[in-house]
């Protein structure tokens, strides 16, 4: 997370052409800071830096059992921390204000594709069958990386009197690194519009 500010400053300097950029907060899975750069009237690029949810307990247990530290290791439990997330996304957005007779503000619907990276730290607690009674559990620390494409759909409402856009979206991440895994995700949030 210490690289968030330098990354955002880099995005601002790269995207210095005169359109309305959007910077905001995204709450959901993953949650974090979102920066949206318009490329033209309908297409934009978005970067999100934040944290994602962990996978299910069964996912981590299977990961441990498929790669035991020693062949006799028996899984006891695990603890997950540091779920960092990065997203790079392309978005197509279309106005639906006229279709819903909205005269105050603007309602848009969007869809897109992206690439998502997630990394978590896991401490596995386990023992072995020949451990003596009352022996302490053994611990192995690992990193789990999820990397894969995502697809998403959503809707934004641009307020008329304030430079703010509210959004809601749902999507799926397909993990292709480490193992094939499909993960549902969604978010709500708000962005501040700035620029020309």
Foldseek 3Di string as FASTA:
>chain_A
DVCVVVVVVVVCVVQVDFDKKWWWWKDKAVTAIKIWHDPDDFKIKMKGWGFGDDDDQVVVLVVCQVPPPDPQKDFDGKDKDDWIKIKIKMKTKDWCCVVVVNDFWTKIKMKIKIKMKIKMKMKTWIDGPPDDPPDGTDIDIDMDMFIFMKIKIKMWTQGRPFQKIKMKMKIWGFGDPPHTDIDIIIIIIMIGIDGD
